[in-house]
Amino acid sequence: MRIVYLDTFAGIAGDMVLGAFISAGVDAVKLKSEIDKLGLGNVELKLEKVVRSGITATKVDVVVAGKTEHVEDLGSEIHRHSHGHGYKHDHEDHEHGKSYLEIKHIIESSPLSDRVKRRATGIFRRIAEAEAKIHDTTVEKIHFHEVGAVDSIVDIVGTAICLELSGIEAVYSSPVRVGSNGYVEAKHGVLPVPAPATLEILKGYPTVFNDVPHELTTPTGAAIVAALSEGVLSDRHIEIEKIGYGAGSRDLGRLPNLLRIVIGDIGSATEEDHVLLVETNMDDINPQLIPHLIEKVIAAGATDAFVTPVLMKKGRPGFLLTVLMSEPALEKISNVIFSQSTTLGLRIQTIRRSKIHRDVKTFSTSLGDVKAKESSVDGKKRITAEFEECKRIADEKGLPLAEVMQRINGELNRS
């Protein structure tokens, strides 16, 4: 499986990711051609070769309407600050901004590939959710700085495009270095390093507070990792194909301000990560409420949820609720379980999970377009149509569901 490893020894920011991919061989002309599909106007990429600690790297600046934007990250109109990778930006100069929903619309209405759209909107969503929580508002009310948003759209969508152009199937990273004991200027004062949004985004992800008093990882860099990474790559054999270095702007002194990426093949169809396993026993719940409870837990962000009949103490029949989730989802899902069930406590443990990598793609069949999961085991490709898609087609065509499933899956795997 072709992967990219983000080595954040000096942190990570959006422009550093673009520079690293271009350094690793991504065609800047093709990248710019794909970015143009967003219809953002007169936007150019300014590339420069720089040397840091004897290492040659690529520095990328976004030029908007002929002006180089020294805004290396995304901040809301509520939360806007200078960034540790190098520049101060005056929020007062640009009072209007694009909302998260407007940016999402720009991306989703473009002719970019579905996978690029999913990756890019996922990154923006992580930033918007963090900003909304910090400022006690909703995602829908988050607005981003207008010109800074253009710069950040290029960084974020450009990252998704680079992954596509490089044929990357999965993203991994080192533990994210964020710096500490420093400050960044904000409109209404100063903020600690790391910035509140950066920490909120990285909740649940391995993070290192090293002793560099600068903002090594920006909210955009954190969101790229949090939204895309399968986890920290350890004890895995990787066949290295390409290496790239992307440069930040600030001089960090003893530490070269670079992001290193490694592109290669880990040669395995399985991936490993860590999830939370949450369980609780219930012996006084109305069984009619259980399907509703599972539905609510899944809607709150659970990876999986199921209920098992059990025999509890004193011979009482009961139910065991089991839920798998990511660390950041724990608080929200716990609240759902407590409010929708009769339980008074939860058992929580971290478990290691091994899974086969899969992609959700749209395929053409004789019954119409259908979304299906594509995976590979021992070099053999396997495609399975989503059940809800088959059910939809069966209802539309007036055909038996079993017949639709057999016909579609047969066509997908023969092709």
Protein backbone atom coordinates (compact mmCIF):
# COMPACT_ATOMS: atom_id res chain seq x y z
CA MET A 1 0.00 0.00 0.00
CA ARG A 2 1.36 3.39 -1.04
CA ILE A 3 1.58 5.77 1.90
CA VAL A 4 3.02 9.12 2.88
CA TYR A 5 4.71 9.59 6.25
CA LEU A 6 4.67 13.10 7.71
CA ASP A 7 7.79 13.56 9.81
CA THR A 8 6.94 16.59 11.95
CA PHE A 9 10.31 17.00 13.67
CA ALA A 10 9.83 20.81 13.43
CA GLY A 11 6.03 20.87 13.31
CA ILE A 12 3.70 21.16 10.36
CA ALA A 13 1.81 23.90 8.48
CA GLY A 14 -0.22 23.84 5.27
CA ASP A 15 2.35 25.57 3.06
CA MET A 16 5.08 23.24 4.35
CA VAL A 17 3.02 20.24 3.20
CA LEU A 18 2.73 21.66 -0.32
CA GLY A 19 6.45 22.42 -0.41
CA ALA A 20 7.34 18.92 0.76
CA PHE A 21 5.19 17.25 -1.91
CA ILE A 22 6.64 19.44 -4.66
CA SER A 23 10.12 18.67 -3.32
CA ALA A 24 9.20 14.96 -3.54
CA GLY A 25 8.28 15.25 -7.20
CA VAL A 26 4.70 16.50 -7.50
CA ASP A 27 4.37 18.49 -10.72
CA ALA A 28 3.70 22.10 -9.66
CA VAL A 29 2.05 22.84 -13.03
CA LYS A 30 -0.44 19.98 -12.59
CA LEU A 31 -1.03 21.04 -8.98
CA LYS A 32 -1.78 24.61 -10.08
CA SER A 33 -4.08 23.33 -12.86
CA GLU A 34 -6.13 21.37 -10.32
CA ILE A 35 -6.26 24.31 -7.89
CA ASP A 36 -7.62 26.48 -10.72
CA LYS A 37 -10.72 24.24 -10.79
CA LEU A 38 -11.82 25.95 -7.56
CA GLY A 39 -12.41 29.22 -9.41
CA LEU A 40 -10.67 31.34 -6.79
CA GLY A 41 -9.52 33.98 -9.26
CA ASN A 42 -5.97 35.14 -9.86
CA VAL A 43 -4.04 32.72 -7.66
CA GLU A 44 -0.44 31.66 -8.27
CA LEU A 45 2.09 29.50 -6.46
CA LYS A 46 5.48 31.10 -5.84
CA LEU A 47 8.17 28.44 -5.42
CA GLU A 48 11.62 28.98 -3.98
CA LYS A 49 14.49 26.64 -3.19
CA VAL A 50 15.92 27.32 0.28
CA VAL A 51 18.64 25.66 2.36
CA ARG A 52 18.14 24.93 6.05
CA SER A 53 20.95 23.27 8.04
CA GLY A 54 22.43 22.15 4.73
CA ILE A 55 19.15 20.56 3.56
CA THR A 56 17.59 21.84 0.33
CA ALA A 57 13.83 22.35 0.64
CA THR A 58 10.96 23.95 -1.26
CA LYS A 59 9.24 27.07 0.08
CA VAL A 60 5.74 27.79 -1.24
CA ASP A 61 3.94 31.14 -1.05
CA VAL A 62 0.42 31.73 -2.34
CA VAL A 63 0.13 34.84 -4.53
CA VAL A 64 -3.40 36.27 -4.64
CA ALA A 65 -4.10 38.97 -7.25
CA GLY A 66 -0.39 39.64 -7.58
CA LYS A 67 0.18 39.94 -3.83
CA THR A 68 2.10 37.35 -1.85
CA GLU A 69 -0.02 36.40 1.13
CA HIS A 70 2.08 35.83 4.22
CA VAL A 71 -0.76 34.03 5.95
CA GLU A 72 0.31 30.50 6.60
CA ASP A 73 -2.79 29.28 8.35
CA LEU A 74 -6.48 29.55 8.82
CA GLY A 75 -8.07 31.55 11.59
CA SER A 76 -11.67 32.51 12.12
CA GLU A 77 -12.79 36.11 12.33
CA ILE A 78 -13.01 35.49 16.05
CA HIS A 79 -9.59 33.89 16.30
CA ARG A 80 -6.84 35.30 14.15
CA HIS A 81 -3.17 35.45 15.10
CA SER A 82 0.32 35.59 13.71
CA HIS A 83 1.80 32.21 12.98
CA GLY A 84 4.93 30.73 14.41
CA HIS A 85 6.24 29.69 11.05
CA GLY A 86 6.72 33.26 10.34
CA TYR A 87 4.34 36.11 9.76
CA LYS A 88 2.00 38.55 11.41
CA HIS A 89 -1.24 39.44 9.67
CA ASP A 90 -3.54 42.33 10.55
CA HIS A 91 -7.11 41.16 10.96
CA GLU A 92 -8.31 44.76 10.91
CA ASP A 93 -7.42 45.05 7.19
CA HIS A 94 -10.08 42.58 6.06
CA GLU A 95 -13.37 42.69 7.92
CA HIS A 96 -15.32 40.28 5.74
CA GLY A 97 -14.83 36.57 5.55
CA LYS A 98 -16.09 33.33 4.09
CA SER A 99 -18.05 31.01 6.31
CA TYR A 100 -17.17 27.36 6.68
CA LEU A 101 -20.31 26.48 4.70
CA GLU A 102 -19.29 28.83 1.87
CA ILE A 103 -15.85 27.27 1.67
CA LYS A 104 -17.39 23.80 1.74
CA HIS A 105 -19.67 24.81 -1.14
CA ILE A 106 -16.72 26.14 -3.18
CA ILE A 107 -14.95 22.80 -2.83
CA GLU A 108 -17.95 20.52 -3.35
CA SER A 109 -19.26 22.42 -6.40
CA SER A 110 -15.87 22.26 -8.15
CA PRO A 111 -14.97 19.61 -10.77
CA LEU A 112 -12.26 18.16 -8.53
CA SER A 113 -12.36 14.42 -7.84
CA ASP A 114 -14.64 13.12 -5.10
CA ARG A 115 -11.68 11.89 -3.06
CA VAL A 116 -9.99 15.30 -3.16
CA LYS A 117 -13.26 16.92 -2.08
CA ARG A 118 -13.75 14.49 0.81
CA ARG A 119 -10.23 14.94 2.10
CA ALA A 120 -10.30 18.74 1.81
CA THR A 121 -13.72 19.25 3.40
CA GLY A 122 -12.73 16.86 6.18
CA ILE A 123 -9.74 19.06 7.03
CA PHE A 124 -11.83 22.24 7.03
CA ARG A 125 -14.44 20.54 9.19
CA ARG A 126 -11.85 19.72 11.87
CA ILE A 127 -10.76 23.36 12.02
CA ALA A 128 -14.32 24.69 12.10
CA GLU A 129 -15.32 22.28 14.89
CA ALA A 130 -12.31 23.31 16.99
CA GLU A 131 -12.99 27.02 16.48
CA ALA A 132 -16.68 26.54 17.27
CA LYS A 133 -15.90 24.79 20.55
CA ILE A 134 -13.30 27.35 21.63
CA HIS A 135 -15.59 30.30 20.93
CA ASP A 136 -18.80 28.61 22.16
CA THR A 137 -20.62 28.85 18.87
CA THR A 138 -21.64 26.52 16.05
CA VAL A 139 -19.78 25.32 12.98
CA GLU A 140 -22.34 27.09 10.79
CA LYS A 141 -21.47 30.46 12.40
CA ILE A 142 -17.71 30.16 11.92
CA HIS A 143 -16.35 32.68 9.41
CA PHE A 144 -12.80 32.67 8.07
CA HIS A 145 -10.72 35.65 7.04
CA GLU A 146 -11.38 36.44 3.36
CA VAL A 147 -7.88 36.61 1.84
CA GLY A 148 -6.50 34.25 4.45
CA ALA A 149 -9.26 31.84 3.51
CA VAL A 150 -8.10 31.85 -0.12
CA ASP A 151 -4.58 31.12 1.06
CA SER A 152 -5.82 28.37 3.33
CA ILE A 153 -8.13 26.86 0.71
CA VAL A 154 -5.10 26.55 -1.55
CA ASP A 155 -3.04 24.94 1.23
CA ILE A 156 -5.76 22.49 2.24
CA VAL A 157 -7.20 21.57 -1.15
CA GLY A 158 -3.65 21.58 -2.54
CA THR A 159 -2.68 18.98 0.07
CA ALA A 160 -5.59 16.75 -1.00
CA ILE A 161 -4.58 17.21 -4.65
CA CYS A 162 -0.96 16.29 -3.88
CA LEU A 163 -2.14 13.08 -2.23
CA GLU A 164 -4.16 12.29 -5.34
CA LEU A 165 -1.35 13.10 -7.78
CA SER A 166 1.06 10.98 -5.73
CA GLY A 167 -1.30 8.00 -5.61
CA ILE A 168 -1.34 8.01 -1.81
CA GLU A 169 -3.69 5.45 -0.25
CA ALA A 170 -3.02 6.25 3.42
CA VAL A 171 -1.38 8.94 5.55
CA TYR A 172 0.73 8.32 8.68
CA SER A 173 2.79 10.67 10.82
CA SER A 174 5.21 10.98 13.67
CA PRO A 175 3.87 12.30 16.99
CA VAL A 176 3.11 15.95 16.25
CA ARG A 177 5.59 18.51 17.66
CA VAL A 178 3.84 21.68 18.79
CA GLY A 179 6.37 23.81 20.70
CA SER A 180 5.69 25.28 24.15
CA ASN A 181 6.36 28.18 26.54
CA GLY A 182 5.86 30.81 23.86
CA TYR A 183 3.19 33.26 22.73
CA VAL A 184 1.59 34.50 19.52
CA GLU A 185 -0.06 37.87 19.06
CA ALA A 186 -3.83 37.96 18.71
CA LYS A 187 -6.24 40.77 17.97
CA HIS A 188 -7.26 41.12 21.62
CA GLY A 189 -3.98 40.16 23.27
CA VAL A 190 -1.70 37.15 23.21
CA LEU A 191 -2.32 33.41 22.98
CA PRO A 192 -0.15 30.64 24.38
CA VAL A 193 1.85 28.26 22.21
CA PRO A 194 0.46 25.91 21.08
CA ALA A 195 -2.64 27.85 20.02
CA PRO A 196 -5.96 26.69 21.53
CA ALA A 197 -7.30 25.59 18.13
CA THR A 198 -4.20 23.48 17.46
CA LEU A 199 -4.58 21.63 20.76
CA GLU A 200 -8.32 21.15 20.30
CA ILE A 201 -7.77 19.64 16.85
CA LEU A 202 -5.05 17.29 18.10
CA LYS A 203 -7.11 15.87 20.98
CA GLY A 204 -6.66 12.11 20.92
CA TYR A 205 -3.59 12.21 18.65
CA PRO A 206 0.00 11.62 19.91
CA THR A 207 1.46 15.07 20.57
CA VAL A 208 4.86 16.29 21.81
CA PHE A 209 5.39 19.58 23.68
CA ASN A 210 9.04 20.22 22.85
CA ASP A 211 10.93 23.18 24.29
CA VAL A 212 10.92 25.44 21.22
CA PRO A 213 9.02 28.65 22.17
CA HIS A 214 7.44 29.07 18.72
CA GLU A 215 4.23 27.88 17.05
CA LEU A 216 5.67 24.84 15.29
CA THR A 217 2.30 23.34 14.35
CA THR A 218 -0.50 25.57 13.11
CA PRO A 219 -4.22 24.74 13.20
CA THR A 220 -4.17 23.89 9.48
CA GLY A 221 -1.17 21.60 9.92
CA ALA A 222 -2.83 19.95 12.91
CA ALA A 223 -6.07 19.46 10.97
CA ILE A 224 -4.25 17.86 8.03
CA VAL A 225 -2.82 15.28 10.42
CA ALA A 226 -5.97 14.79 12.50
CA ALA A 227 -8.32 14.49 9.53
CA LEU A 228 -6.16 12.34 7.25
CA SER A 229 -3.70 10.31 9.31
CA GLU A 230 -4.28 6.65 10.14
CA GLY A 231 -2.03 7.13 13.15
CA VAL A 232 1.63 7.03 14.12
CA LEU A 233 3.71 4.73 11.93
CA SER A 234 5.81 2.43 14.11
CA ASP A 235 7.32 -1.04 13.72
CA ARG A 236 6.30 -1.15 10.06
CA HIS A 237 8.62 -1.92 7.19
CA ILE A 238 8.46 0.76 4.51
CA GLU A 239 10.08 0.62 1.10
CA ILE A 240 11.11 4.25 0.62
CA GLU A 241 10.52 5.67 -2.85
CA LYS A 242 10.64 9.46 -2.47
CA ILE A 243 11.61 12.02 0.18
CA GLY A 244 10.64 15.68 0.20
CA TYR A 245 11.30 18.71 2.41
CA GLY A 246 8.93 21.68 2.77
CA ALA A 247 10.18 24.87 4.40
CA GLY A 248 8.52 27.21 6.86
CA SER A 249 9.58 30.84 7.16
CA ARG A 250 10.74 31.53 10.70
CA ASP A 251 14.36 30.90 11.73
CA LEU A 252 14.05 28.47 14.65
CA GLY A 253 17.74 28.64 15.54
CA ARG A 254 19.07 25.19 16.35
CA LEU A 255 16.11 23.45 14.69
CA PRO A 256 15.68 23.52 10.88
CA ASN A 257 12.17 24.75 10.13
CA LEU A 258 11.27 21.91 7.78
CA LEU A 259 8.63 19.26 7.27
CA ARG A 260 9.91 15.98 5.85
CA ILE A 261 7.65 13.59 3.99
CA VAL A 262 8.49 10.04 2.99
CA ILE A 263 6.52 8.33 0.22
CA GLY A 264 6.71 4.57 -0.09
CA ASP A 265 5.03 1.21 0.18
CA ILE A 266 4.38 -0.52 3.48
CA GLY A 267 3.54 -3.68 1.55
CA SER A 268 0.60 -4.78 3.66
CA ALA A 269 -3.14 -4.71 3.18
CA THR A 270 -3.70 -4.27 6.90
CA GLU A 271 -3.44 -1.12 8.97
CA GLU A 272 -3.29 -0.72 12.72
CA ASP A 273 -4.63 2.03 14.92
CA HIS A 274 -6.02 2.49 18.41
CA VAL A 275 -9.65 3.10 19.34
CA LEU A 276 -11.63 3.29 22.55
CA LEU A 277 -13.80 0.35 23.59
CA VAL A 278 -16.68 1.50 25.79
CA GLU A 279 -19.01 -1.02 27.44
CA THR A 280 -21.86 -1.01 29.91
CA ASN A 281 -24.31 -3.60 31.30
CA MET A 282 -28.02 -2.78 31.43
CA ASP A 283 -30.65 -4.93 33.17
CA ASP A 284 -33.47 -2.41 33.53
CA ILE A 285 -33.80 -0.94 30.04
CA ASN A 286 -36.88 -1.41 27.87
CA PRO A 287 -35.68 -3.58 24.93
CA GLN A 288 -37.74 -1.42 22.56
CA LEU A 289 -35.32 1.47 23.27
CA ILE A 290 -32.20 -0.42 22.22
CA PRO A 291 -32.41 0.14 18.42
CA HIS A 292 -32.92 3.85 19.07
CA LEU A 293 -29.93 3.91 21.44
CA ILE A 294 -27.67 2.27 18.84
CA GLU A 295 -28.88 4.70 16.16
CA LYS A 296 -28.11 7.71 18.37
CA VAL A 297 -24.65 6.40 19.31
CA ILE A 298 -23.73 5.84 15.65
CA ALA A 299 -25.04 9.30 14.73
CA ALA A 300 -22.82 10.80 17.48
CA GLY A 301 -19.71 9.48 15.74
CA ALA A 302 -19.20 5.91 16.95
CA THR A 303 -17.20 3.62 14.66
CA ASP A 304 -19.42 0.68 15.60
CA ALA A 305 -22.03 -0.21 18.22
CA PHE A 306 -23.86 -3.42 19.10
CA VAL A 307 -25.79 -5.05 21.92
CA THR A 308 -25.36 -8.60 23.24
CA PRO A 309 -27.86 -10.43 25.51
CA VAL A 310 -26.12 -11.47 28.76
CA LEU A 311 -26.98 -13.16 32.04
CA MET A 312 -26.10 -10.80 34.87
CA LYS A 313 -25.71 -11.24 38.62
CA LYS A 314 -28.52 -12.93 40.53
CA GLY A 315 -29.56 -14.58 37.28
CA ARG A 316 -31.10 -11.43 35.82
CA PRO A 317 -31.21 -11.19 32.00
CA GLY A 318 -29.65 -8.03 30.62
CA PHE A 319 -27.86 -6.42 27.71
CA LEU A 320 -24.19 -5.58 27.10
CA LEU A 321 -23.74 -2.40 25.03
CA THR A 322 -20.38 -2.26 23.21
CA VAL A 323 -19.24 0.87 21.37
CA LEU A 324 -16.05 1.57 19.41
CA MET A 325 -15.01 5.19 18.97
CA SER A 326 -12.11 7.60 18.59
CA GLU A 327 -10.79 9.44 21.64
CA PRO A 328 -12.21 12.86 20.60
CA ALA A 329 -15.71 11.36 20.32
CA LEU A 330 -15.75 9.98 23.88
CA GLU A 331 -17.42 12.93 25.63
CA LYS A 332 -20.20 13.33 23.09
CA ILE A 333 -20.99 9.61 22.85
CA SER A 334 -20.84 9.14 26.63
CA ASN A 335 -23.45 11.87 27.03
CA VAL A 336 -25.67 10.11 24.48
CA ILE A 337 -25.39 6.76 26.30
CA PHE A 338 -26.20 8.31 29.68
CA SER A 339 -29.17 10.27 28.32
CA GLN A 340 -30.64 7.51 26.14
CA SER A 341 -30.19 4.52 28.45
CA THR A 342 -30.54 3.55 32.11
CA THR A 343 -26.86 2.95 32.77
CA LEU A 344 -24.98 4.77 35.53
CA GLY A 345 -21.40 4.00 34.45
CA LEU A 346 -19.14 3.04 31.58
CA ARG A 347 -16.05 0.84 31.24
CA ILE A 348 -13.47 2.47 28.94
CA GLN A 349 -10.30 0.94 27.54
CA THR A 350 -7.93 1.59 24.64
CA ILE A 351 -7.54 -1.31 22.22
CA ARG A 352 -5.40 -1.94 19.17
CA ARG A 353 -7.29 -2.50 15.93
CA SER A 354 -6.06 -4.16 12.73
CA LYS A 355 -8.06 -3.48 9.59
CA ILE A 356 -7.87 -3.85 5.84
CA HIS A 357 -7.54 -0.51 4.07
CA ARG A 358 -10.53 0.31 1.95
CA ASP A 359 -11.72 3.12 -0.32
CA VAL A 360 -15.32 4.09 -1.04
CA LYS A 361 -15.71 4.76 -4.75
CA THR A 362 -18.55 5.18 -7.22
CA PHE A 363 -18.80 2.49 -9.91
CA SER A 364 -21.01 2.20 -13.00
CA THR A 365 -23.17 -0.92 -13.28
CA SER A 366 -26.02 -2.10 -15.49
CA LEU A 367 -28.40 -0.95 -12.75
CA GLY A 368 -26.81 2.50 -12.44
CA ASP A 369 -24.05 4.16 -10.42
CA VAL A 370 -23.38 2.62 -7.03
CA LYS A 371 -21.01 3.36 -4.15
CA ALA A 372 -18.86 0.42 -3.07
CA LYS A 373 -15.92 -0.41 -0.82
CA GLU A 374 -12.74 -1.41 -2.63
CA SER A 375 -10.04 -3.33 -0.73
CA SER A 376 -7.15 -5.65 -1.47
CA VAL A 377 -6.15 -8.89 0.29
CA ASP A 378 -2.98 -10.74 -0.74
CA GLY A 379 -2.88 -8.69 -3.92
CA LYS A 380 -6.44 -9.61 -4.90
CA LYS A 381 -8.89 -6.74 -5.27
CA ARG A 382 -12.30 -7.07 -3.62
CA ILE A 383 -15.24 -4.74 -4.25
CA THR A 384 -18.43 -4.82 -2.18
CA ALA A 385 -21.41 -2.59 -2.85
CA GLU A 386 -22.82 -0.64 0.08
CA PHE A 387 -25.98 -2.30 1.39
CA GLU A 388 -27.97 0.95 1.46
CA GLU A 389 -27.05 1.56 -2.19
CA CYS A 390 -28.35 -1.88 -3.18
CA LYS A 391 -31.50 -1.29 -1.18
CA ARG A 392 -32.05 2.07 -2.91
CA ILE A 393 -31.65 0.53 -6.35
CA ALA A 394 -33.93 -2.40 -5.47
CA ASP A 395 -36.66 0.05 -4.42
CA GLU A 396 -36.18 2.21 -7.52
CA LYS A 397 -36.18 -0.74 -9.95
CA GLY A 398 -38.79 -2.81 -8.16
CA LEU A 399 -36.41 -5.78 -7.96
CA PRO A 400 -35.71 -8.24 -5.13
CA LEU A 401 -32.90 -6.95 -2.91
CA ALA A 402 -31.02 -10.28 -2.97
CA GLU A 403 -31.03 -10.24 -6.78
CA VAL A 404 -29.73 -6.66 -6.89
CA MET A 405 -26.91 -7.43 -4.45
CA GLN A 406 -25.82 -10.55 -6.33
CA ARG A 407 -25.96 -8.84 -9.73
CA ILE A 408 -24.10 -5.67 -8.71
CA ASN A 409 -21.36 -7.40 -6.71
CA GLY A 410 -20.87 -9.89 -9.52
CA GLU A 411 -20.43 -7.09 -12.08
CA LEU A 412 -18.08 -5.11 -9.84
CA ASN A 413 -15.73 -8.00 -9.16
CA ARG A 414 -15.74 -9.26 -12.76
CA SER A 415 -14.69 -5.80 -13.96
